[in-house]
Each structure stands twice: as C-alpha cells, then as structure tokens.
C-alpha cells in the first residue's frame, strides 16, 4: 500500500507545473500530454482540506495511509509540493505550508492536499 501511495503522489506531482492551474482557478496554460499507452491525469484544480474536515470513514483510511508512509516519502512529497508554485500557493492561501501536508489524493482532475495542523 505504501508503494502504491508513493507512486500516486509521484505520478500526480511529476506532471509538472503545466498540469496544474493557478490556485485562484485560472485555466492551465498548457495541458500535460503523455505518450501513447500511458495514462494521463491532468490536474485542473487544487483543494486544501484539513484532516479534521473529512468524514470519519475517510479520515480513518487517511490515518491508515499516513501511518504506513515513511518519513522519507513524506519529505519527498513536501519537496515536490514546495517546487510546485500552484500547490505551494494553495497552501499559503490557507496560512499553511508543505509541512502541514500529510497525504494527497487525486480524483477527477482535482488534487487534494490533506493537511493536519500541529
């Protein structure tokens, strides 16, 4: 499960800046395209959600994933977020930084940064 989670994190964030949109909701300047035979996930928006805001069942699943995530994987995720201006900006708009991110999720073109205040 941890390897899968890390793969999702890396896949979602390795799409690069063109795949992200501005935190204010402006359209992306270019669409990320993948070579034939590879799946493509274009991030159209970013949302920041506090762990406490999740429904109990979802929160429990996230807690399980977080418990299985190594500190090394978490540090790698945070470095990638810091290197992605749109993700860092979305966090900053909420008064947060990558240090608050404990997990991410990608669904339907939305990158969800799940945070936990210390």
PDB file of N, CA and C in Angstrom:
ATOM      1  N   UNK A   1       0.824  -1.194   0.000  1.00  0.00           N
ATOM      2  CA  UNK A   1       0.000   0.000   0.000  1.00  0.00           C
ATOM      3  C   UNK A   1       0.865   1.254   0.000  1.00  0.00           C
ATOM      4  N   UNK A   2       1.952   1.243   0.768  1.00  0.00           N
ATOM      5  CA  UNK A   2       2.810   2.407   0.846  1.00  0.00           C
ATOM      6  C   UNK A   2       3.442   2.706  -0.505  1.00  0.00           C
ATOM      7  N   UNK A   3       3.869   1.670  -1.219  1.00  0.00           N
ATOM      8  CA  UNK A   3       4.470   1.870  -2.528  1.00  0.00           C
ATOM      9  C   UNK A   3       3.443   2.460  -3.483  1.00  0.00           C
ATOM     10  N   UNK A   4       2.208   1.966  -3.432  1.00  0.00           N
ATOM     11  CA  UNK A   4       1.155   2.494  -4.285  1.00  0.00           C
ATOM     12  C   UNK A   4       0.912   3.962  -3.971  1.00  0.00           C
ATOM     13  N   UNK A   5       0.838   4.303  -2.697  1.00  0.00           N
ATOM     14  CA  UNK A   5       0.604   5.685  -2.289  1.00  0.00           C
ATOM     15  C   UNK A   5       1.712   6.580  -2.788  1.00  0.00           C
ATOM     16  N   UNK A   6       2.945   6.146  -2.608  1.00  0.00           N
ATOM     17  CA  UNK A   6       4.080   6.934  -3.077  1.00  0.00           C
ATOM     18  C   UNK A   6       4.019   7.095  -4.594  1.00  0.00           C
ATOM     19  N   UNK A   7       3.612   6.043  -5.307  1.00  0.00           N
ATOM     20  CA  UNK A   7       3.504   6.113  -6.761  1.00  0.00           C
ATOM     21  C   UNK A   7       2.453   7.129  -7.176  1.00  0.00           C
ATOM     22  N   UNK A   8       1.322   7.142  -6.494  1.00  0.00           N
ATOM     23  CA  UNK A   8       0.268   8.103  -6.803  1.00  0.00           C
ATOM     24  C   UNK A   8       0.769   9.517  -6.553  1.00  0.00           C
ATOM     25  N   UNK A   9       1.455   9.709  -5.447  1.00  0.00           N
ATOM     26  CA  UNK A   9       2.000  11.028  -5.122  1.00  0.00           C
ATOM     27  C   UNK A   9       2.959  11.472  -6.204  1.00  0.00           C
ATOM     28  N   UNK A  10       3.891  10.620  -6.551  1.00  0.00           N
ATOM     29  CA  UNK A  10       4.889  10.967  -7.544  1.00  0.00           C
ATOM     30  C   UNK A  10       4.248  11.183  -8.906  1.00  0.00           C
ATOM     31  N   UNK A  11       3.323  10.316  -9.277  1.00  0.00           N
ATOM     32  CA  UNK A  11       2.654  10.454 -10.572  1.00  0.00           C
ATOM     33  C   UNK A  11       1.867  11.755 -10.642  1.00  0.00           C
ATOM     34  N   UNK A  12       1.174  12.072  -9.592  1.00  0.00           N
ATOM     35  CA  UNK A  12       0.352  13.283  -9.587  1.00  0.00           C
ATOM     36  C   UNK A  12       1.206  14.532  -9.656  1.00  0.00           C
ATOM     37  N   UNK A  13       2.282  14.539  -8.925  1.00  0.00           N
ATOM     38  CA  UNK A  13       3.089  15.744  -8.868  1.00  0.00           C
ATOM     39  C   UNK A  13       4.177  15.804  -9.926  1.00  0.00           C
ATOM     40  N   UNK A  14       4.506  14.693 -10.540  1.00  0.00           N
ATOM     41  CA  UNK A  14       5.542  14.705 -11.567  1.00  0.00           C
ATOM     42  C   UNK A  14       5.011  15.197 -12.911  1.00  0.00           C
ATOM     43  N   UNK A  15       3.716  15.462 -12.975  1.00  0.00           N
ATOM     44  CA  UNK A  15       3.149  16.004 -14.205  1.00  0.00           C
ATOM     45  C   UNK A  15       3.715  17.377 -14.499  1.00  0.00           C
ATOM     46  N   UNK A  16       4.203  18.022 -13.469  1.00  0.00           N
ATOM     47  CA  UNK A  16       4.864  19.305 -13.658  1.00  0.00           C
ATOM     48  C   UNK A  16       3.910  20.473 -13.603  1.00  0.00           C
ATOM     49  N   UNK A  17       4.481  21.651 -13.626  1.00  0.00           N
ATOM     50  CA  UNK A  17       3.728  22.882 -13.496  1.00  0.00           C
ATOM     51  C   UNK A  17       2.651  23.052 -14.561  1.00  0.00           C
ATOM     52  N   UNK A  18       2.891  22.694 -15.825  1.00  0.00           N
ATOM     53  CA  UNK A  18       1.827  22.915 -16.809  1.00  0.00           C
ATOM     54  C   UNK A  18       0.537  22.175 -16.493  1.00  0.00           C
ATOM     55  N   UNK A  19       0.621  21.083 -15.770  1.00  0.00           N
ATOM     56  CA  UNK A  19      -0.578  20.319 -15.466  1.00  0.00           C
ATOM     57  C   UNK A  19      -1.400  20.949 -14.356  1.00  0.00           C
ATOM     58  N   UNK A  20      -0.807  21.835 -13.610  1.00  0.00           N
ATOM     59  CA  UNK A  20      -1.519  22.476 -12.519  1.00  0.00           C
ATOM     60  C   UNK A  20      -2.143  23.781 -12.986  1.00  0.00           C
ATOM     61  N   UNK A  21      -3.121  24.229 -12.259  1.00  0.00           N
ATOM     62  CA  UNK A  21      -3.720  25.522 -12.532  1.00  0.00           C
ATOM     63  C   UNK A  21      -3.402  26.442 -11.378  1.00  0.00           C
ATOM     64  N   UNK A  22      -3.598  27.701 -11.599  1.00  0.00           N
ATOM     65  CA  UNK A  22      -3.380  28.660 -10.525  1.00  0.00           C
ATOM     66  C   UNK A  22      -4.348  28.381  -9.394  1.00  0.00           C
ATOM     67  N   UNK A  23      -3.942  28.650  -8.183  1.00  0.00           N
ATOM     68  CA  UNK A  23      -4.796  28.401  -7.019  1.00  0.00           C
ATOM     69  C   UNK A  23      -6.095  29.196  -7.111  1.00  0.00           C
ATOM     70  N   UNK A  24      -6.070  30.305  -7.851  1.00  0.00           N
ATOM     71  CA  UNK A  24      -7.272  31.118  -7.975  1.00  0.00           C
ATOM     72  C   UNK A  24      -8.257  30.527  -8.973  1.00  0.00           C
ATOM     73  N   UNK A  25      -7.886  29.457  -9.671  1.00  0.00           N
ATOM     74  CA  UNK A  25      -8.805  28.803 -10.591  1.00  0.00           C
ATOM     75  C   UNK A  25      -8.614  29.190 -12.044  1.00  0.00           C
ATOM     76  N   UNK A  26      -7.540  29.888 -12.397  1.00  0.00           N
ATOM     77  CA  UNK A  26      -7.290  30.237 -13.789  1.00  0.00           C
ATOM     78  C   UNK A  26      -6.994  28.973 -14.576  1.00  0.00           C
ATOM     79  N   UNK A  27      -7.338  28.953 -15.845  1.00  0.00           N
ATOM     80  CA  UNK A  27      -7.075  27.755 -16.637  1.00  0.00           C
ATOM     81  C   UNK A  27      -5.583  27.519 -16.807  1.00  0.00           C
ATOM     82  N   UNK A  28      -5.229  26.272 -16.975  1.00  0.00           N
ATOM     83  CA  UNK A  28      -3.827  25.915 -17.169  1.00  0.00           C
ATOM     84  C   UNK A  28      -3.336  26.492 -18.485  1.00  0.00           C
ATOM     85  N   UNK A  29      -2.060  26.865 -18.538  1.00  0.00           N
ATOM     86  CA  UNK A  29      -1.515  27.434 -19.754  1.00  0.00           C
ATOM     87  C   UNK A  29      -1.349  26.375 -20.831  1.00  0.00           C
ATOM     88  N   UNK A  30      -1.057  25.142 -20.429  1.00  0.00           N
ATOM     89  CA  UNK A  30      -0.956  24.058 -21.401  1.00  0.00           C
ATOM     90  C   UNK A  30      -1.382  22.767 -20.734  1.00  0.00           C
ATOM     91  N   UNK A  31      -1.835  21.839 -21.515  1.00  0.00           N
ATOM     92  CA  UNK A  31      -2.274  20.549 -20.991  1.00  0.00           C
ATOM     93  C   UNK A  31      -1.096  19.585 -21.031  1.00  0.00           C
ATOM     94  N   UNK A  32      -0.938  18.798 -19.994  1.00  0.00           N
ATOM     95  CA  UNK A  32       0.107  17.777 -19.980  1.00  0.00           C
ATOM     96  C   UNK A  32      -0.363  16.616 -20.840  1.00  0.00           C
ATOM     97  N   UNK A  33       0.504  16.144 -21.708  1.00  0.00           N
ATOM     98  CA  UNK A  33       0.152  15.013 -22.547  1.00  0.00           C
ATOM     99  C   UNK A  33       1.146  13.900 -22.287  1.00  0.00           C
ATOM    100  N   UNK A  34       0.654  12.686 -22.324  1.00  0.00           N
ATOM    101  CA  UNK A  34       1.534  11.544 -22.106  1.00  0.00           C
ATOM    102  C   UNK A  34       1.674  10.766 -23.399  1.00  0.00           C
ATOM    103  N   UNK A  35       2.780  10.047 -23.543  1.00  0.00           N
ATOM    104  CA  UNK A  35       2.968   9.228 -24.739  1.00  0.00           C
ATOM    105  C   UNK A  35       1.876   8.175 -24.852  1.00  0.00           C
ATOM    106  N   UNK A  36       1.650   7.664 -26.067  1.00  0.00           N
ATOM    107  CA  UNK A  36       0.631   6.614 -26.244  1.00  0.00           C
ATOM    108  C   UNK A  36       0.900   5.432 -25.324  1.00  0.00           C
ATOM    109  N   UNK A  37      -0.159   4.896 -24.777  1.00  0.00           N
ATOM    110  CA  UNK A  37      -0.022   3.732 -23.910  1.00  0.00           C
ATOM    111  C   UNK A  37       0.145   4.075 -22.439  1.00  0.00           C
ATOM    112  N   UNK A  38       0.330   5.340 -22.126  1.00  0.00           N
ATOM    113  CA  UNK A  38       0.452   5.744 -20.721  1.00  0.00           C
ATOM    114  C   UNK A  38      -0.782   6.537 -20.329  1.00  0.00           C
ATOM    115  N   UNK A  39      -1.211   6.337 -19.085  1.00  0.00           N
ATOM    116  CA  UNK A  39      -2.384   7.082 -18.639  1.00  0.00           C
ATOM    117  C   UNK A  39      -1.990   8.508 -18.310  1.00  0.00           C
ATOM    118  N   UNK A  40      -2.936   9.397 -18.441  1.00  0.00           N
ATOM    119  CA  UNK A  40      -2.681  10.810 -18.196  1.00  0.00           C
ATOM    120  C   UNK A  40      -3.682  11.325 -17.169  1.00  0.00           C
ATOM    121  N   UNK A  41      -3.187  12.048 -16.198  1.00  0.00           N
ATOM    122  CA  UNK A  41      -4.064  12.670 -15.215  1.00  0.00           C
ATOM    123  C   UNK A  41      -3.726  14.151 -15.191  1.00  0.00           C
ATOM    124  N   UNK A  42      -4.617  14.962 -15.709  1.00  0.00           N
ATOM    125  CA  UNK A  42      -4.401  16.397 -15.739  1.00  0.00           C
ATOM    126  C   UNK A  42      -5.037  16.997 -14.497  1.00  0.00           C
ATOM    127  N   UNK A  43      -4.248  17.740 -13.764  1.00  0.00           N
ATOM    128  CA  UNK A  43      -4.738  18.404 -12.558  1.00  0.00           C
ATOM    129  C   UNK A  43      -5.320  19.747 -12.979  1.00  0.00           C
ATOM    130  N   UNK A  44      -6.613  19.921 -12.748  1.00  0.00           N
ATOM    131  CA  UNK A  44      -7.294  21.155 -13.135  1.00  0.00           C
ATOM    132  C   UNK A  44      -7.479  22.112 -11.972  1.00  0.00           C
ATOM    133  N   UNK A  45      -7.483  21.568 -10.765  1.00  0.00           N
ATOM    134  CA  UNK A  45      -7.629  22.440  -9.596  1.00  0.00           C
ATOM    135  C   UNK A  45      -6.990  21.774  -8.385  1.00  0.00           C
ATOM    136  N   UNK A  46      -6.750  22.595  -7.385  1.00  0.00           N
ATOM    137  CA  UNK A  46      -6.137  22.120  -6.151  1.00  0.00           C
ATOM    138  C   UNK A  46      -7.020  22.557  -4.995  1.00  0.00           C
ATOM    139  N   UNK A  47      -7.298  21.614  -4.104  1.00  0.00           N
ATOM    140  CA  UNK A  47      -8.032  21.977  -2.898  1.00  0.00           C
ATOM    141  C   UNK A  47      -7.226  21.548  -1.684  1.00  0.00           C
ATOM    142  N   UNK A  48      -7.343  22.321  -0.629  1.00  0.00           N
ATOM    143  CA  UNK A  48      -6.654  22.038   0.629  1.00  0.00           C
ATOM    144  C   UNK A  48      -7.722  21.705   1.657  1.00  0.00           C
ATOM    145  N   UNK A  49      -7.603  20.519   2.267  1.00  0.00           N
ATOM    146  CA  UNK A  49      -8.603  20.048   3.225  1.00  0.00           C
ATOM    147  C   UNK A  49      -7.894  19.623   4.500  1.00  0.00           C
ATOM    148  N   UNK A  50      -8.392  20.104   5.625  1.00  0.00           N
ATOM    149  CA  UNK A  50      -7.848  19.680   6.909  1.00  0.00           C
ATOM    150  C   UNK A  50      -8.362  18.283   7.230  1.00  0.00           C
ATOM    151  N   UNK A  51      -7.509  17.476   7.810  1.00  0.00           N
ATOM    152  CA  UNK A  51      -7.859  16.101   8.166  1.00  0.00           C
ATOM    153  C   UNK A  51      -9.128  16.053   9.012  1.00  0.00           C
ATOM    154  N   UNK A  52      -9.300  17.027   9.890  1.00  0.00           N
ATOM    155  CA  UNK A  52     -10.477  17.059  10.770  1.00  0.00           C
ATOM    156  C   UNK A  52     -11.776  17.278  10.008  1.00  0.00           C
ATOM    157  N   UNK A  53     -11.696  17.827   8.781  1.00  0.00           N
ATOM    158  CA  UNK A  53     -12.888  18.110   7.987  1.00  0.00           C
ATOM    159  C   UNK A  53     -13.415  16.872   7.260  1.00  0.00           C
ATOM    160  N   UNK A  54     -12.612  15.828   7.199  1.00  0.00           N
ATOM    161  CA  UNK A  54     -13.021  14.619   6.485  1.00  0.00           C
ATOM    162  C   UNK A  54     -14.043  13.826   7.286  1.00  0.00           C
ATOM    163  N   UNK A  55     -14.872  13.089   6.568  1.00  0.00           N
ATOM    164  CA  UNK A  55     -15.825  12.211   7.233  1.00  0.00           C
ATOM    165  C   UNK A  55     -15.036  11.146   7.990  1.00  0.00           C
ATOM    166  N   UNK A  56     -15.564  10.651   9.102  1.00  0.00           N
ATOM    167  CA  UNK A  56     -14.826   9.682   9.925  1.00  0.00           C
ATOM    168  C   UNK A  56     -14.278   8.472   9.161  1.00  0.00           C
ATOM    169  N   UNK A  57     -15.053   7.919   8.244  1.00  0.00           N
ATOM    170  CA  UNK A  57     -14.586   6.746   7.498  1.00  0.00           C
ATOM    171  C   UNK A  57     -13.401   7.097   6.604  1.00  0.00           C
ATOM    172  N   UNK A  58     -13.474   8.254   5.951  1.00  0.00           N
ATOM    173  CA  UNK A  58     -12.383   8.698   5.082  1.00  0.00           C
ATOM    174  C   UNK A  58     -11.167   9.056   5.933  1.00  0.00           C
ATOM    175  N   UNK A  59     -11.408   9.735   7.047  1.00  0.00           N
ATOM    176  CA  UNK A  59     -10.318  10.114   7.948  1.00  0.00           C
ATOM    177  C   UNK A  59      -9.565   8.881   8.434  1.00  0.00           C
ATOM    178  N   UNK A  60     -10.301   7.823   8.736  1.00  0.00           N
ATOM    179  CA  UNK A  60      -9.688   6.582   9.196  1.00  0.00           C
ATOM    180  C   UNK A  60      -8.778   5.989   8.123  1.00  0.00           C
ATOM    181  N   UNK A  61      -9.243   6.003   6.870  1.00  0.00           N
ATOM    182  CA  UNK A  61      -8.429   5.491   5.767  1.00  0.00           C
ATOM    183  C   UNK A  61      -7.176   6.335   5.575  1.00  0.00           C
ATOM    184  N   UNK A  62      -7.331   7.639   5.663  1.00  0.00           N
ATOM    185  CA  UNK A  62      -6.176   8.531   5.521  1.00  0.00           C
ATOM    186  C   UNK A  62      -5.196   8.290   6.665  1.00  0.00           C
ATOM    187  N   UNK A  63      -5.704   8.142   7.875  1.00  0.00           N
ATOM    188  CA  UNK A  63      -4.830   7.865   9.023  1.00  0.00           C
ATOM    189  C   UNK A  63      -4.040   6.575   8.811  1.00  0.00           C
ATOM    190  N   UNK A  64      -4.691   5.555   8.240  1.00  0.00           N
ATOM    191  CA  UNK A  64      -4.002   4.293   7.958  1.00  0.00           C
ATOM    192  C   UNK A  64      -2.878   4.491   6.951  1.00  0.00           C
ATOM    193  N   UNK A  65      -3.158   5.250   5.893  1.00  0.00           N
ATOM    194  CA  UNK A  65      -2.140   5.514   4.875  1.00  0.00           C
ATOM    195  C   UNK A  65      -0.988   6.315   5.476  1.00  0.00           C
ATOM    196  N   UNK A  66      -1.312   7.322   6.260  1.00  0.00           N
ATOM    197  CA  UNK A  66      -0.287   8.159   6.888  1.00  0.00           C
ATOM    198  C   UNK A  66       0.593   7.320   7.803  1.00  0.00           C
ATOM    199  N   UNK A  67      -0.005   6.417   8.543  1.00  0.00           N
ATOM    200  CA  UNK A  67       0.760   5.568   9.463  1.00  0.00           C
ATOM    201  C   UNK A  67       1.741   4.666   8.713  1.00  0.00           C
ATOM    202  N   UNK A  68       1.428   4.324   7.476  1.00  0.00           N
ATOM    203  CA  UNK A  68       2.280   3.443   6.692  1.00  0.00           C
ATOM    204  C   UNK A  68       3.273   4.197   5.811  1.00  0.00           C
ATOM    205  N   UNK A  69       3.185   5.523   5.792  1.00  0.00           N
ATOM    206  CA  UNK A  69       4.065   6.327   4.957  1.00  0.00           C
ATOM    207  C   UNK A  69       5.342   6.637   5.714  1.00  0.00           C
ATOM    208  N   UNK A  70       6.465   6.382   5.058  1.00  0.00           N
ATOM    209  CA  UNK A  70       7.756   6.643   5.700  1.00  0.00           C
ATOM    210  C   UNK A  70       8.033   8.141   5.734  1.00  0.00           C
ATOM    211  N   UNK A  71       8.873   8.536   6.652  1.00  0.00           N
ATOM    212  CA  UNK A  71       9.268   9.940   6.754  1.00  0.00           C
ATOM    213  C   UNK A  71       9.971  10.375   5.468  1.00  0.00           C
ATOM    214  N   UNK A  72      10.719   9.471   4.874  1.00  0.00           N
ATOM    215  CA  UNK A  72      11.422   9.768   3.619  1.00  0.00           C
ATOM    216  C   UNK A  72      10.419  10.082   2.506  1.00  0.00           C
ATOM    217  N   UNK A  73       9.361   9.277   2.393  1.00  0.00           N
ATOM    218  CA  UNK A  73       8.329   9.526   1.386  1.00  0.00           C
ATOM    219  C   UNK A  73       7.627  10.859   1.646  1.00  0.00           C
ATOM    220  N   UNK A  74       7.365  11.141   2.887  1.00  0.00           N
ATOM    221  CA  UNK A  74       6.703  12.390   3.248  1.00  0.00           C
ATOM    222  C   UNK A  74       7.586  13.593   2.917  1.00  0.00           C
ATOM    223  N   UNK A  75       8.871  13.483   3.200  1.00  0.00           N
ATOM    224  CA  UNK A  75       9.801  14.573   2.878  1.00  0.00           C
ATOM    225  C   UNK A  75       9.880  14.782   1.367  1.00  0.00           C
ATOM    226  N   UNK A  76       9.879  13.691   0.611  1.00  0.00           N
ATOM    227  CA  UNK A  76       9.904  13.782  -0.847  1.00  0.00           C
ATOM    228  C   UNK A  76       8.647  14.476  -1.361  1.00  0.00           C
ATOM    229  N   UNK A  77       7.510  14.107  -0.804  1.00  0.00           N
ATOM    230  CA  UNK A  77       6.249  14.749  -1.179  1.00  0.00           C
ATOM    231  C   UNK A  77       6.304  16.243  -0.896  1.00  0.00           C
ATOM    232  N   UNK A  78       6.772  16.603   0.275  1.00  0.00           N
ATOM    233  CA  UNK A  78       6.821  18.020   0.663  1.00  0.00           C
ATOM    234  C   UNK A  78       7.773  18.821  -0.216  1.00  0.00           C
ATOM    235  N   UNK A  79       8.891  18.228  -0.598  1.00  0.00           N
ATOM    236  CA  UNK A  79       9.826  18.912  -1.503  1.00  0.00           C
ATOM    237  C   UNK A  79       9.171  19.143  -2.855  1.00  0.00           C
ATOM    238  N   UNK A  80       8.421  18.172  -3.333  1.00  0.00           N
ATOM    239  CA  UNK A  80       7.741  18.306  -4.614  1.00  0.00           C
ATOM    240  C   UNK A  80       6.668  19.381  -4.540  1.00  0.00           C
ATOM    241  N   UNK A  81       5.943  19.425  -3.449  1.00  0.00           N
ATOM    242  CA  UNK A  81       4.922  20.465  -3.270  1.00  0.00           C
ATOM    243  C   UNK A  81       5.581  21.838  -3.258  1.00  0.00           C
ATOM    244  N   UNK A  82       6.685  21.981  -2.525  1.00  0.00           N
ATOM    245  CA  UNK A  82       7.390  23.262  -2.462  1.00  0.00           C
ATOM    246  C   UNK A  82       7.912  23.686  -3.834  1.00  0.00           C
ATOM    247  N   UNK A  83       8.241  22.718  -4.680  1.00  0.00           N
ATOM    248  CA  UNK A  83       8.763  23.012  -6.013  1.00  0.00           C
ATOM    249  C   UNK A  83       7.647  23.265  -7.028  1.00  0.00           C
ATOM    250  N   UNK A  84       6.402  23.141  -6.590  1.00  0.00           N
ATOM    251  CA  UNK A  84       5.256  23.357  -7.472  1.00  0.00           C
ATOM    252  C   UNK A  84       4.526  24.612  -7.006  1.00  0.00           C
ATOM    253  N   UNK A  85       4.761  25.725  -7.682  1.00  0.00           N
ATOM    254  CA  UNK A  85       4.212  27.007  -7.217  1.00  0.00           C
ATOM    255  C   UNK A  85       2.714  27.007  -6.951  1.00  0.00           C
ATOM    256  N   UNK A  86       1.943  26.322  -7.785  1.00  0.00           N
ATOM    257  CA  UNK A  86       0.494  26.335  -7.609  1.00  0.00           C
ATOM    258  C   UNK A  86       0.080  25.621  -6.325  1.00  0.00           C
ATOM    259  N   UNK A  87       0.732  24.509  -6.020  1.00  0.00           N
ATOM    260  CA  UNK A  87       0.415  23.774  -4.791  1.00  0.00           C
ATOM    261  C   UNK A  87       0.851  24.575  -3.571  1.00  0.00           C
ATOM    262  N   UNK A  88       2.049  25.137  -3.627  1.00  0.00           N
ATOM    263  CA  UNK A  88       2.545  25.946  -2.508  1.00  0.00           C
ATOM    264  C   UNK A  88       1.655  27.166  -2.291  1.00  0.00           C
ATOM    265  N   UNK A  89       1.183  27.758  -3.384  1.00  0.00           N
ATOM    266  CA  UNK A  89       0.311  28.930  -3.290  1.00  0.00           C
ATOM    267  C   UNK A  89      -1.041  28.581  -2.670  1.00  0.00           C
ATOM    268  N   UNK A  90      -1.589  27.425  -3.036  1.00  0.00           N
ATOM    269  CA  UNK A  90      -2.867  26.998  -2.468  1.00  0.00           C
ATOM    270  C   UNK A  90      -2.742  26.812  -0.961  1.00  0.00           C
ATOM    271  N   UNK A  91      -1.625  26.263  -0.525  1.00  0.00           N
ATOM    272  CA  UNK A  91      -1.395  26.093   0.916  1.00  0.00           C
ATOM    273  C   UNK A  91      -1.216  27.444   1.599  1.00  0.00           C
ATOM    274  N   UNK A  92      -0.421  28.306   0.981  1.00  0.00           N
ATOM    275  CA  UNK A  92      -0.148  29.624   1.569  1.00  0.00           C
ATOM    276  C   UNK A  92      -1.436  30.435   1.735  1.00  0.00           C
ATOM    277  N   UNK A  93      -2.350  30.278   0.780  1.00  0.00           N
ATOM    278  CA  UNK A  93      -3.629  30.990   0.849  1.00  0.00           C
ATOM    279  C   UNK A  93      -4.428  30.592   2.088  1.00  0.00           C
ATOM    280  N   UNK A  94      -4.176  29.396   2.599  1.00  0.00           N
ATOM    281  CA  UNK A  94      -4.852  28.918   3.808  1.00  0.00           C
ATOM    282  C   UNK A  94      -3.994  29.118   5.048  1.00  0.00           C
ATOM    283  N   UNK A  95      -2.843  29.796   4.889  1.00  0.00           N
ATOM    284  CA  UNK A  95      -1.952  30.016   6.029  1.00  0.00           C
ATOM    285  C   UNK A  95      -1.153  28.786   6.402  1.00  0.00           C
ATOM    286  N   UNK A  96      -0.947  27.883   5.430  1.00  0.00           N
ATOM    287  CA  UNK A  96      -0.251  26.623   5.682  1.00  0.00           C
ATOM    288  C   UNK A  96       0.979  26.517   4.793  1.00  0.00           C
ATOM    289  N   UNK A  97       1.760  25.475   5.022  1.00  0.00           N
ATOM    290  CA  UNK A  97       2.904  25.170   4.178  1.00  0.00           C
ATOM    291  C   UNK A  97       2.928  23.663   3.930  1.00  0.00           C
ATOM    292  N   UNK A  98       3.894  23.225   3.160  1.00  0.00           N
ATOM    293  CA  UNK A  98       4.005  21.795   2.860  1.00  0.00           C
ATOM    294  C   UNK A  98       4.242  20.971   4.121  1.00  0.00           C
ATOM    295  N   UNK A  99       4.743  21.585   5.168  1.00  0.00           N
ATOM    296  CA  UNK A  99       4.966  20.873   6.424  1.00  0.00           C
ATOM    297  C   UNK A  99       3.660  20.370   7.037  1.00  0.00           C
ATOM    298  N   UNK A 100       2.550  20.976   6.663  1.00  0.00           N
ATOM    299  CA  UNK A 100       1.248  20.579   7.180  1.00  0.00           C
ATOM    300  C   UNK A 100       0.607  19.446   6.378  1.00  0.00           C
ATOM    301  N   UNK A 101       1.142  19.133   5.197  1.00  0.00           N
ATOM    302  CA  UNK A 101       0.554  18.114   4.325  1.00  0.00           C
ATOM    303  C   UNK A 101       0.925  16.728   4.834  1.00  0.00           C
ATOM    304  N   UNK A 102      -0.098  15.889   5.022  1.00  0.00           N
ATOM    305  CA  UNK A 102       0.128  14.513   5.480  1.00  0.00           C
ATOM    306  C   UNK A 102      -0.219  13.491   4.407  1.00  0.00           C
ATOM    307  N   UNK A 103      -0.999  13.903   3.402  1.00  0.00           N
ATOM    308  CA  UNK A 103      -1.382  12.999   2.320  1.00  0.00           C
ATOM    309  C   UNK A 103      -1.962  13.822   1.186  1.00  0.00           C
ATOM    310  N   UNK A 104      -2.068  13.189   0.022  1.00  0.00           N
ATOM    311  CA  UNK A 104      -2.741  13.821  -1.106  1.00  0.00           C
ATOM    312  C   UNK A 104      -3.689  12.822  -1.728  1.00  0.00           C
ATOM    313  N   UNK A 105      -4.593  13.333  -2.504  1.00  0.00           N
ATOM    314  CA  UNK A 105      -5.498  12.492  -3.274  1.00  0.00           C
ATOM    315  C   UNK A 105      -5.717  13.149  -4.620  1.00  0.00           C
ATOM    316  N   UNK A 106      -5.934  12.342  -5.645  1.00  0.00           N
ATOM    317  CA  UNK A 106      -6.202  12.861  -6.980  1.00  0.00           C
ATOM    318  C   UNK A 106      -7.439  12.155  -7.512  1.00  0.00           C
ATOM    319  N   UNK A 107      -8.439  12.938  -7.882  1.00  0.00           N
ATOM    320  CA  UNK A 107      -9.661  12.373  -8.457  1.00  0.00           C
ATOM    321  C   UNK A 107     -10.321  13.426  -9.338  1.00  0.00           C
ATOM    322  N   UNK A 108     -10.720  13.004 -10.521  1.00  0.00           N
ATOM    323  CA  UNK A 108     -11.463  13.869 -11.443  1.00  0.00           C
ATOM    324  C   UNK A 108     -10.768  15.207 -11.693  1.00  0.00           C
ATOM    325  N   UNK A 109      -9.444  15.186 -11.829  1.00  0.00           N
ATOM    326  CA  UNK A 109      -8.702  16.402 -12.128  1.00  0.00           C
ATOM    327  C   UNK A 109      -8.476  17.318 -10.940  1.00  0.00           C
ATOM    328  N   UNK A 110      -8.826  16.863  -9.743  1.00  0.00           N
ATOM    329  CA  UNK A 110      -8.648  17.674  -8.541  1.00  0.00           C
ATOM    330  C   UNK A 110      -7.566  17.045  -7.666  1.00  0.00           C
ATOM    331  N   UNK A 111      -6.547  17.832  -7.378  1.00  0.00           N
ATOM    332  CA  UNK A 111      -5.507  17.413  -6.443  1.00  0.00           C
ATOM    333  C   UNK A 111      -5.926  17.914  -5.071  1.00  0.00           C
ATOM    334  N   UNK A 112      -6.118  16.995  -4.146  1.00  0.00           N
ATOM    335  CA  UNK A 112      -6.492  17.359  -2.779  1.00  0.00           C
ATOM    336  C   UNK A 112      -5.285  17.195  -1.881  1.00  0.00           C
ATOM    337  N   UNK A 113      -4.895  18.287  -1.248  1.00  0.00           N
ATOM    338  CA  UNK A 113      -3.815  18.277  -0.276  1.00  0.00           C
ATOM    339  C   UNK A 113      -4.450  18.149   1.102  1.00  0.00           C
ATOM    340  N   UNK A 114      -4.209  17.041   1.769  1.00  0.00           N
ATOM    341  CA  UNK A 114      -4.794  16.809   3.092  1.00  0.00           C
ATOM    342  C   UNK A 114      -3.780  17.271   4.124  1.00  0.00           C
ATOM    343  N   UNK A 115      -4.219  18.182   4.977  1.00  0.00           N
ATOM    344  CA  UNK A 115      -3.311  18.796   5.944  1.00  0.00           C
ATOM    345  C   UNK A 115      -3.717  18.471   7.374  1.00  0.00           C
ATOM    346  N   UNK A 116      -2.753  18.658   8.240  1.00  0.00           N
ATOM    347  CA  UNK A 116      -3.004  18.464   9.665  1.00  0.00           C
ATOM    348  C   UNK A 116      -2.222  19.541  10.394  1.00  0.00           C
ATOM    349  N   UNK A 117      -2.931  20.362  11.148  1.00  0.00           N
ATOM    350  CA  UNK A 117      -2.263  21.395  11.935  1.00  0.00           C
ATOM    351  C   UNK A 117      -1.575  20.737  13.126  1.00  0.00           C
ATOM    352  N   UNK A 118      -0.385  21.197  13.413  1.00  0.00           N
ATOM    353  CA  UNK A 118       0.395  20.598  14.512  1.00  0.00           C
ATOM    354  C   UNK A 118      -0.216  20.880  15.857  1.00  0.00           C
TER     355      UNK A 118
END
